[in-house]
PDB file of all heavy atoms in Angstrom:
ATOM      1  N   ARG A   1       0.837  -1.193   0.000  1.00  0.00           N
ATOM      2  CA  ARG A   1       0.000   0.000   0.000  1.00  0.00           C
ATOM      3  C   ARG A   1       0.876   1.248   0.000  1.00  0.00           C
ATOM      4  O   ARG A   1       1.683   1.446   0.905  1.00  0.00           O
ATOM      5  CB  ARG A   1      -0.916   0.004   1.225  1.00  0.00           C
ATOM      6  CG  ARG A   1      -1.803  -1.237   1.339  1.00  0.00           C
ATOM      7  CD  ARG A   1      -2.776  -1.340   0.181  1.00  0.00           C
ATOM      8  NE  ARG A   1      -3.618  -2.537   0.299  1.00  0.00           N
ATOM      9  CZ  ARG A   1      -4.475  -2.935  -0.624  1.00  0.00           C
ATOM     10  NH1 ARG A   1      -4.600  -2.232  -1.755  1.00  0.00           N
ATOM     11  NH2 ARG A   1      -5.194  -4.032  -0.451  1.00  0.00           N
ATOM     12  N   LEU A   2       0.699   2.074  -1.025  1.00  0.00           N
ATOM     13  CA  LEU A   2       1.503   3.286  -1.149  1.00  0.00           C
ATOM     14  C   LEU A   2       0.887   4.416  -0.346  1.00  0.00           C
ATOM     15  O   LEU A   2      -0.324   4.564  -0.264  1.00  0.00           O
ATOM     16  CB  LEU A   2       1.621   3.699  -2.616  1.00  0.00           C
ATOM     17  CG  LEU A   2       2.228   2.654  -3.564  1.00  0.00           C
ATOM     18  CD1 LEU A   2       2.313   3.216  -4.973  1.00  0.00           C
ATOM     19  CD2 LEU A   2       3.598   2.205  -3.081  1.00  0.00           C
ATOM     20  N   GLU A   3       1.764   5.236   0.224  1.00  0.00           N
ATOM     21  CA  GLU A   3       1.325   6.381   1.009  1.00  0.00           C
ATOM     22  C   GLU A   3       2.076   7.626   0.546  1.00  0.00           C
ATOM     23  O   GLU A   3       3.225   7.564   0.136  1.00  0.00           O
ATOM     24  CB  GLU A   3       1.605   6.149   2.505  1.00  0.00           C
ATOM     25  CG  GLU A   3       0.928   4.910   3.074  1.00  0.00           C
ATOM     26  CD  GLU A   3       1.305   4.673   4.520  1.00  0.00           C
ATOM     27  OE1 GLU A   3       2.034   5.514   5.073  1.00  0.00           O
ATOM     28  OE2 GLU A   3       0.881   3.650   5.074  1.00  0.00           O
ATOM     29  N   GLY A   4       1.428   8.763   0.642  1.00  0.00           N
ATOM     30  CA  GLY A   4       2.101  10.038   0.394  1.00  0.00           C
ATOM     31  C   GLY A   4       2.667  10.192  -0.997  1.00  0.00           C
ATOM     32  O   GLY A   4       3.790  10.670  -1.171  1.00  0.00           O
ATOM     33  N   VAL A   5       1.932   9.787  -2.016  1.00  0.00           N
ATOM     34  CA  VAL A   5       2.422   9.893  -3.394  1.00  0.00           C
ATOM     35  C   VAL A   5       2.464  11.355  -3.823  1.00  0.00           C
ATOM     36  O   VAL A   5       1.517  12.117  -3.626  1.00  0.00           O
ATOM     37  CB  VAL A   5       1.520   9.082  -4.349  1.00  0.00           C
ATOM     38  CG1 VAL A   5       1.999   9.230  -5.784  1.00  0.00           C
ATOM     39  CG2 VAL A   5       1.506   7.609  -3.943  1.00  0.00           C
ATOM     40  N   ARG A   6       3.606  11.766  -4.439  1.00  0.00           N
ATOM     41  CA  ARG A   6       3.721  13.121  -4.968  1.00  0.00           C
ATOM     42  C   ARG A   6       4.390  13.059  -6.338  1.00  0.00           C
ATOM     43  O   ARG A   6       5.114  12.110  -6.650  1.00  0.00           O
ATOM     44  CB  ARG A   6       4.514  14.032  -4.026  1.00  0.00           C
ATOM     45  CG  ARG A   6       5.960  13.619  -3.802  1.00  0.00           C
ATOM     46  CD  ARG A   6       6.738  14.687  -3.024  1.00  0.00           C
ATOM     47  NE  ARG A   6       6.971  15.865  -3.837  1.00  0.00           N
ATOM     48  CZ  ARG A   6       6.668  17.101  -3.453  1.00  0.00           C
ATOM     49  NH1 ARG A   6       6.127  17.321  -2.272  1.00  0.00           N
ATOM     50  NH2 ARG A   6       6.906  18.132  -4.243  1.00  0.00           N
ATOM     51  N   VAL A   7       4.143  14.082  -7.151  1.00  0.00           N
ATOM     52  CA  VAL A   7       4.701  14.140  -8.503  1.00  0.00           C
ATOM     53  C   VAL A   7       5.405  15.479  -8.680  1.00  0.00           C
ATOM     54  O   VAL A   7       4.836  16.542  -8.381  1.00  0.00           O
ATOM     55  CB  VAL A   7       3.608  13.973  -9.581  1.00  0.00           C
ATOM     56  CG1 VAL A   7       4.220  14.101 -10.976  1.00  0.00           C
ATOM     57  CG2 VAL A   7       2.911  12.623  -9.436  1.00  0.00           C
ATOM     58  N   ASP A   8       6.653  15.428  -9.149  1.00  0.00           N
ATOM     59  CA  ASP A   8       7.432  16.623  -9.470  1.00  0.00           C
ATOM     60  C   ASP A   8       7.908  16.520 -10.913  1.00  0.00           C
ATOM     61  O   ASP A   8       8.042  15.416 -11.454  1.00  0.00           O
ATOM     62  CB  ASP A   8       8.650  16.752  -8.553  1.00  0.00           C
ATOM     63  CG  ASP A   8       8.280  16.819  -7.081  1.00  0.00           C
ATOM     64  OD1 ASP A   8       7.728  17.849  -6.669  1.00  0.00           O
ATOM     65  OD2 ASP A   8       8.535  15.839  -6.347  1.00  0.00           O
ATOM     66  N   VAL A   9       8.193  17.649 -11.531  1.00  0.00           N
ATOM     67  CA  VAL A   9       8.867  17.603 -12.827  1.00  0.00           C
ATOM     68  C   VAL A   9      10.315  17.213 -12.584  1.00  0.00           C
ATOM     69  O   VAL A   9      10.913  17.565 -11.559  1.00  0.00           O
ATOM     70  CB  VAL A   9       8.777  18.951 -13.568  1.00  0.00           C
ATOM     71  CG1 VAL A   9       7.357  19.206 -14.035  1.00  0.00           C
ATOM     72  CG2 VAL A   9       9.286  20.100 -12.720  1.00  0.00           C
ATOM     73  N   GLY A  10      10.889  16.457 -13.511  1.00  0.00           N
ATOM     74  CA  GLY A  10      12.233  15.955 -13.309  1.00  0.00           C
ATOM     75  C   GLY A  10      13.022  15.846 -14.587  1.00  0.00           C
ATOM     76  O   GLY A  10      12.629  16.339 -15.647  1.00  0.00           O
ATOM     77  N   GLY A  11      14.135  15.148 -14.474  1.00  0.00           N
ATOM     78  CA  GLY A  11      15.164  15.166 -15.497  1.00  0.00           C
ATOM     79  C   GLY A  11      16.288  16.040 -14.970  1.00  0.00           C
ATOM     80  O   GLY A  11      16.046  17.089 -14.364  1.00  0.00           O
ATOM     81  N   LYS A  12      17.546  15.631 -15.180  1.00  0.00           N
ATOM     82  CA  LYS A  12      18.659  16.306 -14.521  1.00  0.00           C
ATOM     83  C   LYS A  12      18.750  17.787 -14.884  1.00  0.00           C
ATOM     84  O   LYS A  12      18.975  18.637 -14.020  1.00  0.00           O
ATOM     85  CB  LYS A  12      19.966  15.579 -14.844  1.00  0.00           C
ATOM     86  CG  LYS A  12      20.044  14.180 -14.227  1.00  0.00           C
ATOM     87  CD  LYS A  12      21.316  13.447 -14.607  1.00  0.00           C
ATOM     88  CE  LYS A  12      22.542  14.046 -13.969  1.00  0.00           C
ATOM     89  NZ  LYS A  12      22.527  13.946 -12.497  1.00  0.00           N
ATOM     90  N   GLY A  13      18.570  18.115 -16.152  1.00  0.00           N
ATOM     91  CA  GLY A  13      18.632  19.527 -16.543  1.00  0.00           C
ATOM     92  C   GLY A  13      17.505  20.337 -15.943  1.00  0.00           C
ATOM     93  O   GLY A  13      17.696  21.500 -15.561  1.00  0.00           O
ATOM     94  N   VAL A  14      16.321  19.744 -15.842  1.00  0.00           N
ATOM     95  CA  VAL A  14      15.197  20.409 -15.169  1.00  0.00           C
ATOM     96  C   VAL A  14      15.523  20.609 -13.698  1.00  0.00           C
ATOM     97  O   VAL A  14      15.290  21.681 -13.131  1.00  0.00           O
ATOM     98  CB  VAL A  14      13.905  19.591 -15.345  1.00  0.00           C
ATOM     99  CG1 VAL A  14      12.813  20.085 -14.393  1.00  0.00           C
ATOM    100  CG2 VAL A  14      13.415  19.685 -16.782  1.00  0.00           C
ATOM    101  N   ASN A  15      16.089  19.584 -13.054  1.00  0.00           N
ATOM    102  CA  ASN A  15      16.427  19.703 -11.642  1.00  0.00           C
ATOM    103  C   ASN A  15      17.397  20.853 -11.381  1.00  0.00           C
ATOM    104  O   ASN A  15      17.238  21.618 -10.425  1.00  0.00           O
ATOM    105  CB  ASN A  15      17.052  18.398 -11.130  1.00  0.00           C
ATOM    106  CG  ASN A  15      16.073  17.252 -11.057  1.00  0.00           C
ATOM    107  OD1 ASN A  15      14.866  17.445 -11.106  1.00  0.00           O
ATOM    108  ND2 ASN A  15      16.586  16.041 -10.954  1.00  0.00           N
ATOM    109  N   VAL A  16      18.423  20.965 -12.217  1.00  0.00           N
ATOM    110  CA  VAL A  16      19.399  22.048 -12.041  1.00  0.00           C
ATOM    111  C   VAL A  16      18.703  23.402 -12.175  1.00  0.00           C
ATOM    112  O   VAL A  16      18.949  24.334 -11.388  1.00  0.00           O
ATOM    113  CB  VAL A  16      20.553  21.918 -13.048  1.00  0.00           C
ATOM    114  CG1 VAL A  16      21.497  23.117 -12.937  1.00  0.00           C
ATOM    115  CG2 VAL A  16      21.329  20.627 -12.822  1.00  0.00           C
ATOM    116  N   ALA A  17      17.817  23.534 -13.159  1.00  0.00           N
ATOM    117  CA  ALA A  17      17.105  24.794 -13.351  1.00  0.00           C
ATOM    118  C   ALA A  17      16.204  25.120 -12.168  1.00  0.00           C
ATOM    119  O   ALA A  17      16.124  26.270 -11.726  1.00  0.00           O
ATOM    120  CB  ALA A  17      16.287  24.742 -14.644  1.00  0.00           C
ATOM    121  N   VAL A  18      15.518  24.119 -11.634  1.00  0.00           N
ATOM    122  CA  VAL A  18      14.640  24.346 -10.478  1.00  0.00           C
ATOM    123  C   VAL A  18      15.456  24.791  -9.270  1.00  0.00           C
ATOM    124  O   VAL A  18      15.074  25.725  -8.548  1.00  0.00           O
ATOM    125  CB  VAL A  18      13.836  23.067 -10.165  1.00  0.00           C
ATOM    126  CG1 VAL A  18      13.139  23.186  -8.816  1.00  0.00           C
ATOM    127  CG2 VAL A  18      12.808  22.804 -11.266  1.00  0.00           C
ATOM    128  N   VAL A  19      16.603  24.151  -9.043  1.00  0.00           N
ATOM    129  CA  VAL A  19      17.471  24.560  -7.929  1.00  0.00           C
ATOM    130  C   VAL A  19      17.930  25.997  -8.108  1.00  0.00           C
ATOM    131  O   VAL A  19      17.886  26.803  -7.170  1.00  0.00           O
ATOM    132  CB  VAL A  19      18.677  23.604  -7.816  1.00  0.00           C
ATOM    133  CG1 VAL A  19      19.726  24.155  -6.854  1.00  0.00           C
ATOM    134  CG2 VAL A  19      18.223  22.227  -7.354  1.00  0.00           C
ATOM    135  N   LEU A  20      18.377  26.351  -9.297  1.00  0.00           N
ATOM    136  CA  LEU A  20      18.812  27.720  -9.556  1.00  0.00           C
ATOM    137  C   LEU A  20      17.689  28.714  -9.279  1.00  0.00           C
ATOM    138  O   LEU A  20      17.897  29.754  -8.644  1.00  0.00           O
ATOM    139  CB  LEU A  20      19.295  27.853 -10.998  1.00  0.00           C
ATOM    140  CG  LEU A  20      20.659  27.241 -11.307  1.00  0.00           C
ATOM    141  CD1 LEU A  20      20.883  27.152 -12.812  1.00  0.00           C
ATOM    142  CD2 LEU A  20      21.779  28.050 -10.662  1.00  0.00           C
ATOM    143  N   SER A  21      16.497  28.396  -9.764  1.00  0.00           N
ATOM    144  CA  SER A  21      15.358  29.291  -9.558  1.00  0.00           C
ATOM    145  C   SER A  21      15.065  29.468  -8.070  1.00  0.00           C
ATOM    146  O   SER A  21      14.835  30.586  -7.595  1.00  0.00           O
ATOM    147  CB  SER A  21      14.130  28.743 -10.286  1.00  0.00           C
ATOM    148  OG  SER A  21      12.996  29.541 -10.046  1.00  0.00           O
ATOM    149  N   ARG A  22      15.103  28.369  -7.314  1.00  0.00           N
ATOM    150  CA  ARG A  22      14.812  28.454  -5.883  1.00  0.00           C
ATOM    151  C   ARG A  22      15.891  29.227  -5.126  1.00  0.00           C
ATOM    152  O   ARG A  22      15.628  29.795  -4.061  1.00  0.00           O
ATOM    153  CB  ARG A  22      14.652  27.055  -5.301  1.00  0.00           C
ATOM    154  CG  ARG A  22      13.404  26.339  -5.804  1.00  0.00           C
ATOM    155  CD  ARG A  22      13.221  24.997  -5.126  1.00  0.00           C
ATOM    156  NE  ARG A  22      12.030  24.314  -5.631  1.00  0.00           N
ATOM    157  CZ  ARG A  22      11.603  23.140  -5.208  1.00  0.00           C
ATOM    158  NH1 ARG A  22      12.280  22.499  -4.259  1.00  0.00           N
ATOM    159  NH2 ARG A  22      10.519  22.585  -5.711  1.00  0.00           N
ATOM    160  N   LEU A  23      17.099  29.245  -5.674  1.00  0.00           N
ATOM    161  CA  LEU A  23      18.189  29.987  -5.047  1.00  0.00           C
ATOM    162  C   LEU A  23      18.298  31.410  -5.565  1.00  0.00           C
ATOM    163  O   LEU A  23      19.239  32.127  -5.230  1.00  0.00           O
ATOM    164  CB  LEU A  23      19.515  29.242  -5.264  1.00  0.00           C
ATOM    165  CG  LEU A  23      19.618  27.860  -4.597  1.00  0.00           C
ATOM    166  CD1 LEU A  23      20.973  27.232  -4.895  1.00  0.00           C
ATOM    167  CD2 LEU A  23      19.379  27.939  -3.100  1.00  0.00           C
ATOM    168  N   GLY A  24      17.338  31.814  -6.384  1.00  0.00           N
ATOM    169  CA  GLY A  24      17.266  33.210  -6.815  1.00  0.00           C
ATOM    170  C   GLY A  24      18.075  33.556  -8.039  1.00  0.00           C
ATOM    171  O   GLY A  24      18.353  34.737  -8.283  1.00  0.00           O
ATOM    172  N   VAL A  25      18.462  32.559  -8.846  1.00  0.00           N
ATOM    173  CA  VAL A  25      19.258  32.799 -10.049  1.00  0.00           C
ATOM    174  C   VAL A  25      18.356  32.718 -11.273  1.00  0.00           C
ATOM    175  O   VAL A  25      17.591  31.766 -11.429  1.00  0.00           O
ATOM    176  CB  VAL A  25      20.395  31.762 -10.169  1.00  0.00           C
ATOM    177  CG1 VAL A  25      21.216  32.012 -11.434  1.00  0.00           C
ATOM    178  CG2 VAL A  25      21.287  31.792  -8.935  1.00  0.00           C
ATOM    179  N   ARG A  26      18.458  33.699 -12.149  1.00  0.00           N
ATOM    180  CA  ARG A  26      17.642  33.699 -13.362  1.00  0.00           C
ATOM    181  C   ARG A  26      18.156  32.636 -14.322  1.00  0.00           C
ATOM    182  O   ARG A  26      19.346  32.589 -14.642  1.00  0.00           O
ATOM    183  CB  ARG A  26      17.687  35.075 -14.024  1.00  0.00           C
ATOM    184  CG  ARG A  26      16.647  35.268 -15.134  1.00  0.00           C
ATOM    185  CD  ARG A  26      16.496  36.733 -15.479  1.00  0.00           C
ATOM    186  NE  ARG A  26      17.682  37.278 -16.092  1.00  0.00           N
ATOM    187  CZ  ARG A  26      17.869  37.366 -17.417  1.00  0.00           C
ATOM    188  NH1 ARG A  26      16.925  36.943 -18.241  1.00  0.00           N
ATOM    189  NH2 ARG A  26      18.972  37.880 -17.904  1.00  0.00           N
ATOM    190  N   CYS A  27      17.264  31.792 -14.766  1.00  0.00           N
ATOM    191  CA  CYS A  27      17.688  30.685 -15.626  1.00  0.00           C
ATOM    192  C   CYS A  27      16.543  30.284 -16.546  1.00  0.00           C
ATOM    193  O   CYS A  27      15.385  30.642 -16.340  1.00  0.00           O
ATOM    194  CB  CYS A  27      18.125  29.488 -14.790  1.00  0.00           C
ATOM    195  SG  CYS A  27      16.785  28.735 -13.838  1.00  0.00           S
ATOM    196  N   GLY A  28      16.902  29.520 -17.549  1.00  0.00           N
ATOM    197  CA  GLY A  28      15.920  28.920 -18.438  1.00  0.00           C
ATOM    198  C   GLY A  28      16.349  27.505 -18.748  1.00  0.00           C
ATOM    199  O   GLY A  28      17.511  27.132 -18.563  1.00  0.00           O
ATOM    200  N   CYS A  29      15.417  26.711 -19.222  1.00  0.00           N
ATOM    201  CA  CYS A  29      15.701  25.325 -19.586  1.00  0.00           C
ATOM    202  C   CYS A  29      15.194  25.080 -21.002  1.00  0.00           C
ATOM    203  O   CYS A  29      14.100  25.525 -21.358  1.00  0.00           O
ATOM    204  CB  CYS A  29      15.032  24.371 -18.607  1.00  0.00           C
ATOM    205  SG  CYS A  29      15.389  22.617 -18.912  1.00  0.00           S
ATOM    206  N   VAL A  30      15.994  24.399 -21.790  1.00  0.00           N
ATOM    207  CA  VAL A  30      15.613  24.022 -23.147  1.00  0.00           C
ATOM    208  C   VAL A  30      15.559  22.501 -23.203  1.00  0.00           C
ATOM    209  O   VAL A  30      16.508  21.818 -22.797  1.00  0.00           O
ATOM    210  CB  VAL A  30      16.612  24.558 -24.184  1.00  0.00           C
ATOM    211  CG1 VAL A  30      16.183  24.157 -25.593  1.00  0.00           C
ATOM    212  CG2 VAL A  30      16.734  26.075 -24.081  1.00  0.00           C
ATOM    213  N   GLY A  31      14.438  21.974 -23.674  1.00  0.00           N
ATOM    214  CA  GLY A  31      14.280  20.533 -23.654  1.00  0.00           C
ATOM    215  C   GLY A  31      13.393  20.019 -24.766  1.00  0.00           C
ATOM    216  O   GLY A  31      13.132  20.706 -25.760  1.00  0.00           O
ATOM    217  N   CYS A  32      12.932  18.800 -24.579  1.00  0.00           N
ATOM    218  CA  CYS A  32      12.003  18.145 -25.492  1.00  0.00           C
ATOM    219  C   CYS A  32      10.825  17.637 -24.668  1.00  0.00           C
ATOM    220  O   CYS A  32      10.997  17.237 -23.524  1.00  0.00           O
ATOM    221  CB  CYS A  32      12.662  16.968 -26.205  1.00  0.00           C
ATOM    222  SG  CYS A  32      14.195  17.351 -27.073  1.00  0.00           S
ATOM    223  N   LEU A  33       9.650  17.640 -25.264  1.00  0.00           N
ATOM    224  CA  LEU A  33       8.474  17.104 -24.595  1.00  0.00           C
ATOM    225  C   LEU A  33       7.669  16.242 -25.556  1.00  0.00           C
ATOM    226  O   LEU A  33       7.478  16.611 -26.717  1.00  0.00           O
ATOM    227  CB  LEU A  33       7.566  18.220 -24.060  1.00  0.00           C
ATOM    228  CG  LEU A  33       7.978  18.953 -22.787  1.00  0.00           C
ATOM    229  CD1 LEU A  33       6.918  19.979 -22.413  1.00  0.00           C
ATOM    230  CD2 LEU A  33       8.228  17.987 -21.635  1.00  0.00           C
TER     231      LEU A  33
END
């Protein structure tokens, strides 16, 4: 039985961009969807 399921956007380049944004650095990410 699973508990506390959550979903985040991911992928290493996305992760780096999210960290930068949370630390107050202006950034963008280029990818494929």
